[in-house]
Amino acid sequence: MKKIIPVRTAITALAGCVIGLTTLFAFANSDAPEGQMPPSFEQMDANGDKQLSLDEVKGPLADDFDRFDKNGDGYLSQDELPPPPGQGERPQ
């Protein structure tokens, strides 16, 4: 005799798959976990000199360091930093 899977069980299993795949794609398409903020100026300023050298920055900030270094002194001041993605202007 053939066993028939109850409709409720099939729907529950399908819903679980959809939720799992949605979560997987959400994490795969994000650069950082939701709610995680980029590091603050103070966190990046490893030596505490109130300016950032190329050695102290990573990622896109390091990739475009010369473009952000408006006065060409080889350091980024807090005024030269772009605002974090999606946050408008950087607080002073």
PDB file of N, CA and C in Angstrom:
ATOM      1  N   MET A   1       0.832  -1.186   0.000  1.00  0.00           N
ATOM      2  CA  MET A   1       0.000   0.000   0.000  1.00  0.00           C
ATOM      3  C   MET A   1       0.877   1.250   0.000  1.00  0.00           C
ATOM      4  N   LYS A   2       0.517   2.193  -0.839  1.00  0.00           N
ATOM      5  CA  LYS A   2       1.246   3.448  -0.953  1.00  0.00           C
ATOM      6  C   LYS A   2       0.917   4.380   0.201  1.00  0.00           C
ATOM      7  N   LYS A   3       1.965   5.021   0.733  1.00  0.00           N
ATOM      8  CA  LYS A   3       1.734   6.016   1.778  1.00  0.00           C
ATOM      9  C   LYS A   3       1.637   7.387   1.135  1.00  0.00           C
ATOM     10  N   ILE A   4       0.655   8.135   1.495  1.00  0.00           N
ATOM     11  CA  ILE A   4       0.470   9.483   0.978  1.00  0.00           C
ATOM     12  C   ILE A   4       0.936  10.467   2.044  1.00  0.00           C
ATOM     13  N   ILE A   5       1.788  11.406   1.605  1.00  0.00           N
ATOM     14  CA  ILE A   5       2.283  12.428   2.529  1.00  0.00           C
ATOM     15  C   ILE A   5       1.167  13.437   2.757  1.00  0.00           C
ATOM     16  N   PRO A   6       0.853  13.694   4.015  1.00  0.00           N
ATOM     17  CA  PRO A   6      -0.186  14.687   4.289  1.00  0.00           C
ATOM     18  C   PRO A   6       0.187  16.053   3.707  1.00  0.00           C
ATOM     19  N   VAL A   7      -0.789  16.778   3.238  1.00  0.00           N
ATOM     20  CA  VAL A   7      -0.594  18.080   2.623  1.00  0.00           C
ATOM     21  C   VAL A   7       0.102  19.043   3.589  1.00  0.00           C
ATOM     22  N   ARG A   8      -0.275  19.020   4.832  1.00  0.00           N
ATOM     23  CA  ARG A   8       0.322  19.916   5.820  1.00  0.00           C
ATOM     24  C   ARG A   8       1.832  19.674   5.939  1.00  0.00           C
ATOM     25  N   THR A   9       2.256  18.427   5.943  1.00  0.00           N
ATOM     26  CA  THR A   9       3.679  18.097   6.033  1.00  0.00           C
ATOM     27  C   THR A   9       4.426  18.589   4.802  1.00  0.00           C
ATOM     28  N   ALA A  10       3.848  18.408   3.633  1.00  0.00           N
ATOM     29  CA  ALA A  10       4.476  18.854   2.388  1.00  0.00           C
ATOM     30  C   ALA A  10       4.613  20.371   2.359  1.00  0.00           C
ATOM     31  N   ILE A  11       3.586  21.077   2.788  1.00  0.00           N
ATOM     32  CA  ILE A  11       3.625  22.546   2.806  1.00  0.00           C
ATOM     33  C   ILE A  11       4.658  23.040   3.812  1.00  0.00           C
ATOM     34  N   THR A  12       4.743  22.402   4.965  1.00  0.00           N
ATOM     35  CA  THR A  12       5.717  22.794   5.983  1.00  0.00           C
ATOM     36  C   THR A  12       7.142  22.585   5.470  1.00  0.00           C
ATOM     37  N   ALA A  13       7.382  21.460   4.812  1.00  0.00           N
ATOM     38  CA  ALA A  13       8.714  21.183   4.268  1.00  0.00           C
ATOM     39  C   ALA A  13       9.077  22.202   3.187  1.00  0.00           C
ATOM     40  N   LEU A  14       8.144  22.519   2.312  1.00  0.00           N
ATOM     41  CA  LEU A  14       8.376  23.494   1.253  1.00  0.00           C
ATOM     42  C   LEU A  14       8.662  24.881   1.837  1.00  0.00           C
ATOM     43  N   ALA A  15       7.912  25.260   2.857  1.00  0.00           N
ATOM     44  CA  ALA A  15       8.127  26.562   3.501  1.00  0.00           C
ATOM     45  C   ALA A  15       9.522  26.625   4.133  1.00  0.00           C
ATOM     46  N   GLY A  16       9.951  25.537   4.748  1.00  0.00           N
ATOM     47  CA  GLY A  16      11.284  25.484   5.338  1.00  0.00           C
ATOM     48  C   GLY A  16      12.370  25.660   4.293  1.00  0.00           C
ATOM     49  N   CYS A  17      12.198  25.040   3.137  1.00  0.00           N
ATOM     50  CA  CYS A  17      13.165  25.190   2.037  1.00  0.00           C
ATOM     51  C   CYS A  17      13.211  26.630   1.536  1.00  0.00           C
ATOM     52  N   VAL A  18      12.052  27.235   1.384  1.00  0.00           N
ATOM     53  CA  VAL A  18      11.990  28.620   0.899  1.00  0.00           C
ATOM     54  C   VAL A  18      12.677  29.561   1.884  1.00  0.00           C
ATOM     55  N   ILE A  19      12.408  29.398   3.158  1.00  0.00           N
ATOM     56  CA  ILE A  19      13.029  30.257   4.184  1.00  0.00           C
ATOM     57  C   ILE A  19      14.535  30.048   4.200  1.00  0.00           C
ATOM     58  N   GLY A  20      14.980  28.822   4.116  1.00  0.00           N
ATOM     59  CA  GLY A  20      16.419  28.528   4.107  1.00  0.00           C
ATOM     60  C   GLY A  20      17.122  29.139   2.911  1.00  0.00           C
ATOM     61  N   LEU A  21      16.533  29.007   1.732  1.00  0.00           N
ATOM     62  CA  LEU A  21      17.138  29.571   0.531  1.00  0.00           C
ATOM     63  C   LEU A  21      17.140  31.097   0.561  1.00  0.00           C
ATOM     64  N   THR A  22      16.064  31.679   1.067  1.00  0.00           N
ATOM     65  CA  THR A  22      15.996  33.141   1.172  1.00  0.00           C
ATOM     66  C   THR A  22      17.102  33.658   2.085  1.00  0.00           C
ATOM     67  N   THR A  23      17.308  33.001   3.207  1.00  0.00           N
ATOM     68  CA  THR A  23      18.366  33.394   4.145  1.00  0.00           C
ATOM     69  C   THR A  23      19.737  33.243   3.506  1.00  0.00           C
ATOM     70  N   LEU A  24      19.950  32.145   2.808  1.00  0.00           N
ATOM     71  CA  LEU A  24      21.229  31.906   2.144  1.00  0.00           C
ATOM     72  C   LEU A  24      21.528  32.997   1.124  1.00  0.00           C
ATOM     73  N   PHE A  25      20.551  33.339   0.278  1.00  0.00           N
ATOM     74  CA  PHE A  25      20.764  34.366  -0.729  1.00  0.00           C
ATOM     75  C   PHE A  25      20.954  35.747  -0.097  1.00  0.00           C
ATOM     76  N   ALA A  26      20.281  36.015   1.004  1.00  0.00           N
ATOM     77  CA  ALA A  26      20.438  37.312   1.670  1.00  0.00           C
ATOM     78  C   ALA A  26      21.867  37.490   2.164  1.00  0.00           C
ATOM     79  N   PHE A  27      22.445  36.456   2.775  1.00  0.00           N
ATOM     80  CA  PHE A  27      23.820  36.555   3.257  1.00  0.00           C
ATOM     81  C   PHE A  27      24.815  36.571   2.104  1.00  0.00           C
ATOM     82  N   ALA A  28      24.530  35.847   1.037  1.00  0.00           N
ATOM     83  CA  ALA A  28      25.442  35.798  -0.103  1.00  0.00           C
ATOM     84  C   ALA A  28      25.514  37.138  -0.816  1.00  0.00           C
ATOM     85  N   ASN A  29      24.454  37.939  -0.767  1.00  0.00           N
ATOM     86  CA  ASN A  29      24.408  39.204  -1.482  1.00  0.00           C
ATOM     87  C   ASN A  29      24.762  40.406  -0.621  1.00  0.00           C
ATOM     88  N   SER A  30      25.173  40.194   0.612  1.00  0.00           N
ATOM     89  CA  SER A  30      25.523  41.331   1.469  1.00  0.00           C
ATOM     90  C   SER A  30      27.019  41.323   1.732  1.00  0.00           C
ATOM     91  N   ASP A  31      27.589  42.510   1.927  1.00  0.00           N
ATOM     92  CA  ASP A  31      29.015  42.626   2.225  1.00  0.00           C
ATOM     93  C   ASP A  31      29.310  42.340   3.694  1.00  0.00           C
ATOM     94  N   ALA A  32      28.371  42.635   4.544  1.00  0.00           N
ATOM     95  CA  ALA A  32      28.549  42.428   5.973  1.00  0.00           C
ATOM     96  C   ALA A  32      27.224  41.988   6.562  1.00  0.00           C
ATOM     97  N   PRO A  33      27.273  41.285   7.679  1.00  0.00           N
ATOM     98  CA  PRO A  33      26.013  40.909   8.322  1.00  0.00           C
ATOM     99  C   PRO A  33      25.163  42.141   8.627  1.00  0.00           C
ATOM    100  N   GLU A  34      23.871  41.959   8.546  1.00  0.00           N
ATOM    101  CA  GLU A  34      22.945  43.069   8.763  1.00  0.00           C
ATOM    102  C   GLU A  34      23.186  43.698  10.124  1.00  0.00           C
ATOM    103  N   GLY A  35      23.207  45.011  10.153  1.00  0.00           N
ATOM    104  CA  GLY A  35      23.390  45.730  11.405  1.00  0.00           C
ATOM    105  C   GLY A  35      24.849  46.002  11.748  1.00  0.00           C
ATOM    106  N   GLN A  36      25.779  45.384  11.044  1.00  0.00           N
ATOM    107  CA  GLN A  36      27.192  45.609  11.331  1.00  0.00           C
ATOM    108  C   GLN A  36      27.638  46.909  10.682  1.00  0.00           C
ATOM    109  N   MET A  37      28.205  47.785  11.473  1.00  0.00           N
ATOM    110  CA  MET A  37      28.650  49.091  10.997  1.00  0.00           C
ATOM    111  C   MET A  37      30.109  49.010  10.562  1.00  0.00           C
ATOM    112  N   PRO A  38      30.502  49.856   9.605  1.00  0.00           N
ATOM    113  CA  PRO A  38      31.921  49.931   9.270  1.00  0.00           C
ATOM    114  C   PRO A  38      32.693  50.465  10.478  1.00  0.00           C
ATOM    115  N   PRO A  39      33.997  50.201  10.548  1.00  0.00           N
ATOM    116  CA  PRO A  39      34.762  50.682  11.706  1.00  0.00           C
ATOM    117  C   PRO A  39      34.787  52.206  11.774  1.00  0.00           C
ATOM    118  N   SER A  40      34.826  52.726  12.977  1.00  0.00           N
ATOM    119  CA  SER A  40      34.894  54.177  13.173  1.00  0.00           C
ATOM    120  C   SER A  40      36.313  54.661  12.887  1.00  0.00           C
ATOM    121  N   PHE A  41      36.461  55.960  12.763  1.00  0.00           N
ATOM    122  CA  PHE A  41      37.773  56.564  12.552  1.00  0.00           C
ATOM    123  C   PHE A  41      38.719  56.141  13.672  1.00  0.00           C
ATOM    124  N   GLU A  42      38.249  56.195  14.890  1.00  0.00           N
ATOM    125  CA  GLU A  42      39.068  55.850  16.052  1.00  0.00           C
ATOM    126  C   GLU A  42      39.509  54.389  16.009  1.00  0.00           C
ATOM    127  N   GLN A  43      38.631  53.498  15.543  1.00  0.00           N
ATOM    128  CA  GLN A  43      38.990  52.080  15.448  1.00  0.00           C
ATOM    129  C   GLN A  43      40.055  51.848  14.372  1.00  0.00           C
ATOM    130  N   MET A  44      39.995  52.595  13.287  1.00  0.00           N
ATOM    131  CA  MET A  44      40.983  52.438  12.224  1.00  0.00           C
ATOM    132  C   MET A  44      42.318  53.089  12.571  1.00  0.00           C
ATOM    133  N   ASP A  45      42.292  54.151  13.384  1.00  0.00           N
ATOM    134  CA  ASP A  45      43.503  54.903  13.735  1.00  0.00           C
ATOM    135  C   ASP A  45      44.306  54.128  14.784  1.00  0.00           C
ATOM    136  N   ALA A  46      45.042  53.117  14.316  1.00  0.00           N
ATOM    137  CA  ALA A  46      45.744  52.194  15.212  1.00  0.00           C
ATOM    138  C   ALA A  46      46.766  52.881  16.123  1.00  0.00           C
ATOM    139  N   ASN A  47      47.451  53.899  15.611  1.00  0.00           N
ATOM    140  CA  ASN A  47      48.477  54.558  16.432  1.00  0.00           C
ATOM    141  C   ASN A  47      47.974  55.802  17.153  1.00  0.00           C
ATOM    142  N   GLY A  48      46.699  56.145  16.984  1.00  0.00           N
ATOM    143  CA  GLY A  48      46.097  57.253  17.723  1.00  0.00           C
ATOM    144  C   GLY A  48      46.584  58.640  17.347  1.00  0.00           C
ATOM    145  N   ASP A  49      47.117  58.808  16.122  1.00  0.00           N
ATOM    146  CA  ASP A  49      47.648  60.117  15.737  1.00  0.00           C
ATOM    147  C   ASP A  49      46.618  61.030  15.065  1.00  0.00           C
ATOM    148  N   LYS A  50      45.368  60.643  15.108  1.00  0.00           N
ATOM    149  CA  LYS A  50      44.252  61.443  14.555  1.00  0.00           C
ATOM    150  C   LYS A  50      44.295  61.578  13.036  1.00  0.00           C
ATOM    151  N   GLN A  51      45.019  60.678  12.378  1.00  0.00           N
ATOM    152  CA  GLN A  51      45.028  60.616  10.921  1.00  0.00           C
ATOM    153  C   GLN A  51      45.261  59.165  10.515  1.00  0.00           C
ATOM    154  N   LEU A  52      44.808  58.819   9.325  1.00  0.00           N
ATOM    155  CA  LEU A  52      44.919  57.440   8.860  1.00  0.00           C
ATOM    156  C   LEU A  52      45.940  57.338   7.737  1.00  0.00           C
ATOM    157  N   SER A  53      46.875  56.422   7.915  1.00  0.00           N
ATOM    158  CA  SER A  53      47.834  56.146   6.845  1.00  0.00           C
ATOM    159  C   SER A  53      47.269  55.002   5.993  1.00  0.00           C
ATOM    160  N   LEU A  54      47.869  54.766   4.867  1.00  0.00           N
ATOM    161  CA  LEU A  54      47.428  53.681   3.994  1.00  0.00           C
ATOM    162  C   LEU A  54      47.515  52.340   4.706  1.00  0.00           C
ATOM    163  N   ASP A  55      48.481  52.184   5.599  1.00  0.00           N
ATOM    164  CA  ASP A  55      48.628  50.935   6.354  1.00  0.00           C
ATOM    165  C   ASP A  55      47.479  50.696   7.330  1.00  0.00           C
ATOM    166  N   GLU A  56      46.766  51.747   7.711  1.00  0.00           N
ATOM    167  CA  GLU A  56      45.702  51.616   8.706  1.00  0.00           C
ATOM    168  C   GLU A  56      44.314  51.374   8.094  1.00  0.00           C
ATOM    169  N   VAL A  57      44.180  51.492   6.797  1.00  0.00           N
ATOM    170  CA  VAL A  57      42.864  51.327   6.174  1.00  0.00           C
ATOM    171  C   VAL A  57      42.831  50.078   5.298  1.00  0.00           C
ATOM    172  N   LYS A  58      41.616  49.587   5.043  1.00  0.00           N
ATOM    173  CA  LYS A  58      41.428  48.382   4.240  1.00  0.00           C
ATOM    174  C   LYS A  58      40.291  48.587   3.253  1.00  0.00           C
ATOM    175  N   GLY A  59      40.179  47.652   2.336  1.00  0.00           N
ATOM    176  CA  GLY A  59      39.044  47.608   1.415  1.00  0.00           C
ATOM    177  C   GLY A  59      38.970  48.804   0.489  1.00  0.00           C
ATOM    178  N   PRO A  60      37.736  49.266   0.215  1.00  0.00           N
ATOM    179  CA  PRO A  60      37.546  50.371  -0.733  1.00  0.00           C
ATOM    180  C   PRO A  60      38.266  51.651  -0.317  1.00  0.00           C
ATOM    181  N   LEU A  61      38.393  51.879   0.972  1.00  0.00           N
ATOM    182  CA  LEU A  61      39.085  53.077   1.443  1.00  0.00           C
ATOM    183  C   LEU A  61      40.565  53.014   1.059  1.00  0.00           C
ATOM    184  N   ALA A  62      41.160  51.844   1.176  1.00  0.00           N
ATOM    185  CA  ALA A  62      42.555  51.671   0.771  1.00  0.00           C
ATOM    186  C   ALA A  62      42.692  51.731  -0.749  1.00  0.00           C
ATOM    187  N   ASP A  63      41.732  51.132  -1.442  1.00  0.00           N
ATOM    188  CA  ASP A  63      41.774  51.112  -2.908  1.00  0.00           C
ATOM    189  C   ASP A  63      41.745  52.516  -3.508  1.00  0.00           C
ATOM    190  N   ASP A  64      41.008  53.423  -2.890  1.00  0.00           N
ATOM    191  CA  ASP A  64      40.847  54.789  -3.403  1.00  0.00           C
ATOM    192  C   ASP A  64      41.529  55.823  -2.503  1.00  0.00           C
ATOM    193  N   PHE A  65      42.546  55.397  -1.774  1.00  0.00           N
ATOM    194  CA  PHE A  65      43.198  56.261  -0.787  1.00  0.00           C
ATOM    195  C   PHE A  65      43.625  57.604  -1.386  1.00  0.00           C
ATOM    196  N   ASP A  66      44.312  57.579  -2.536  1.00  0.00           N
ATOM    197  CA  ASP A  66      44.806  58.821  -3.143  1.00  0.00           C
ATOM    198  C   ASP A  66      43.678  59.773  -3.532  1.00  0.00           C
ATOM    199  N   ARG A  67      42.556  59.213  -3.922  1.00  0.00           N
ATOM    200  CA  ARG A  67      41.411  60.061  -4.301  1.00  0.00           C
ATOM    201  C   ARG A  67      40.835  60.766  -3.074  1.00  0.00           C
ATOM    202  N   PHE A  68      40.805  60.071  -1.926  1.00  0.00           N
ATOM    203  CA  PHE A  68      40.259  60.665  -0.702  1.00  0.00           C
ATOM    204  C   PHE A  68      41.251  61.622  -0.033  1.00  0.00           C
ATOM    205  N   ASP A  69      42.542  61.422  -0.260  1.00  0.00           N
ATOM    206  CA  ASP A  69      43.579  62.271   0.339  1.00  0.00           C
ATOM    207  C   ASP A  69      43.638  63.598  -0.418  1.00  0.00           C
ATOM    208  N   LYS A  70      42.692  64.454  -0.127  1.00  0.00           N
ATOM    209  CA  LYS A  70      42.501  65.698  -0.888  1.00  0.00           C
ATOM    210  C   LYS A  70      43.701  66.644  -0.835  1.00  0.00           C
ATOM    211  N   ASN A  71      44.408  66.690   0.300  1.00  0.00           N
ATOM    212  CA  ASN A  71      45.548  67.609   0.386  1.00  0.00           C
ATOM    213  C   ASN A  71      46.870  66.942   0.015  1.00  0.00           C
ATOM    214  N   GLY A  72      46.832  65.660  -0.327  1.00  0.00           N
ATOM    215  CA  GLY A  72      48.018  64.962  -0.813  1.00  0.00           C
ATOM    216  C   GLY A  72      49.133  64.758   0.199  1.00  0.00           C
ATOM    217  N   ASP A  73      48.806  64.770   1.495  1.00  0.00           N
ATOM    218  CA  ASP A  73      49.847  64.617   2.510  1.00  0.00           C
ATOM    219  C   ASP A  73      50.154  63.158   2.860  1.00  0.00           C
ATOM    220  N   GLY A  74      49.440  62.219   2.223  1.00  0.00           N
ATOM    221  CA  GLY A  74      49.686  60.805   2.504  1.00  0.00           C
ATOM    222  C   GLY A  74      48.918  60.269   3.692  1.00  0.00           C
ATOM    223  N   TYR A  75      48.034  61.069   4.240  1.00  0.00           N
ATOM    224  CA  TYR A  75      47.204  60.673   5.376  1.00  0.00           C
ATOM    225  C   TYR A  75      45.775  61.130   5.131  1.00  0.00           C
ATOM    226  N   LEU A  76      44.842  60.427   5.753  1.00  0.00           N
ATOM    227  CA  LEU A  76      43.441  60.846   5.692  1.00  0.00           C
ATOM    228  C   LEU A  76      43.045  61.414   7.043  1.00  0.00           C
ATOM    229  N   SER A  77      42.552  62.638   7.024  1.00  0.00           N
ATOM    230  CA  SER A  77      41.987  63.213   8.246  1.00  0.00           C
ATOM    231  C   SER A  77      40.520  62.809   8.300  1.00  0.00           C
ATOM    232  N   GLN A  78      39.896  63.023   9.418  1.00  0.00           N
ATOM    233  CA  GLN A  78      38.483  62.684   9.550  1.00  0.00           C
ATOM    234  C   GLN A  78      37.642  63.476   8.547  1.00  0.00           C
ATOM    235  N   ASP A  79      38.043  64.709   8.239  1.00  0.00           N
ATOM    236  CA  ASP A  79      37.318  65.532   7.270  1.00  0.00           C
ATOM    237  C   ASP A  79      37.409  64.983   5.847  1.00  0.00           C
ATOM    238  N   GLU A  80      38.472  64.259   5.541  1.00  0.00           N
ATOM    239  CA  GLU A  80      38.656  63.732   4.193  1.00  0.00           C
ATOM    240  C   GLU A  80      37.916  62.412   3.951  1.00  0.00           C
ATOM    241  N   LEU A  81      37.486  61.762   5.012  1.00  0.00           N
ATOM    242  CA  LEU A  81      36.816  60.469   4.859  1.00  0.00           C
ATOM    243  C   LEU A  81      35.429  60.633   4.251  1.00  0.00           C
ATOM    244  N   PRO A  82      35.055  59.716   3.357  1.00  0.00           N
ATOM    245  CA  PRO A  82      33.681  59.730   2.856  1.00  0.00           C
ATOM    246  C   PRO A  82      32.751  59.172   3.928  1.00  0.00           C
ATOM    247  N   PRO A  83      31.464  59.488   3.863  1.00  0.00           N
ATOM    248  CA  PRO A  83      30.532  58.909   4.837  1.00  0.00           C
ATOM    249  C   PRO A  83      30.407  57.408   4.607  1.00  0.00           C
ATOM    250  N   PRO A  84      30.120  56.643   5.661  1.00  0.00           N
ATOM    251  CA  PRO A  84      29.897  55.206   5.493  1.00  0.00           C
ATOM    252  C   PRO A  84      28.734  54.968   4.528  1.00  0.00           C
ATOM    253  N   PRO A  85      28.752  53.869   3.782  1.00  0.00           N
ATOM    254  CA  PRO A  85      27.682  53.596   2.823  1.00  0.00           C
ATOM    255  C   PRO A  85      26.303  53.646   3.469  1.00  0.00           C
ATOM    256  N   GLY A  86      25.402  54.388   2.836  1.00  0.00           N
ATOM    257  CA  GLY A  86      24.015  54.476   3.302  1.00  0.00           C
ATOM    258  C   GLY A  86      23.788  55.339   4.512  1.00  0.00           C
ATOM    259  N   GLN A  87      24.769  56.151   4.917  1.00  0.00           N
ATOM    260  CA  GLN A  87      24.604  56.937   6.140  1.00  0.00           C
ATOM    261  C   GLN A  87      24.690  58.436   5.929  1.00  0.00           C
ATOM    262  N   GLY A  88      24.767  58.895   4.701  1.00  0.00           N
ATOM    263  CA  GLY A  88      24.837  60.334   4.476  1.00  0.00           C
ATOM    264  C   GLY A  88      26.156  60.888   4.943  1.00  0.00           C
ATOM    265  N   GLU A  89      26.143  62.056   5.567  1.00  0.00           N
ATOM    266  CA  GLU A  89      27.373  62.709   5.969  1.00  0.00           C
ATOM    267  C   GLU A  89      27.956  62.084   7.218  1.00  0.00           C
ATOM    268  N   ARG A  90      29.292  62.061   7.286  1.00  0.00           N
ATOM    269  CA  ARG A  90      29.983  61.536   8.454  1.00  0.00           C
ATOM    270  C   ARG A  90      29.897  62.563   9.580  1.00  0.00           C
ATOM    271  N   PRO A  91      29.539  62.120  10.810  1.00  0.00           N
ATOM    272  CA  PRO A  91      29.473  63.064  11.927  1.00  0.00           C
ATOM    273  C   PRO A  91      30.853  63.626  12.244  1.00  0.00           C
ATOM    274  N   GLN A  92      30.899  64.898  12.652  1.00  0.00           N
ATOM    275  CA  GLN A  92      32.179  65.563  12.961  1.00  0.00           C
ATOM    276  C   GLN A  92      32.535  65.384  14.412  1.00  0.00           C
TER     277      GLN A  92
END
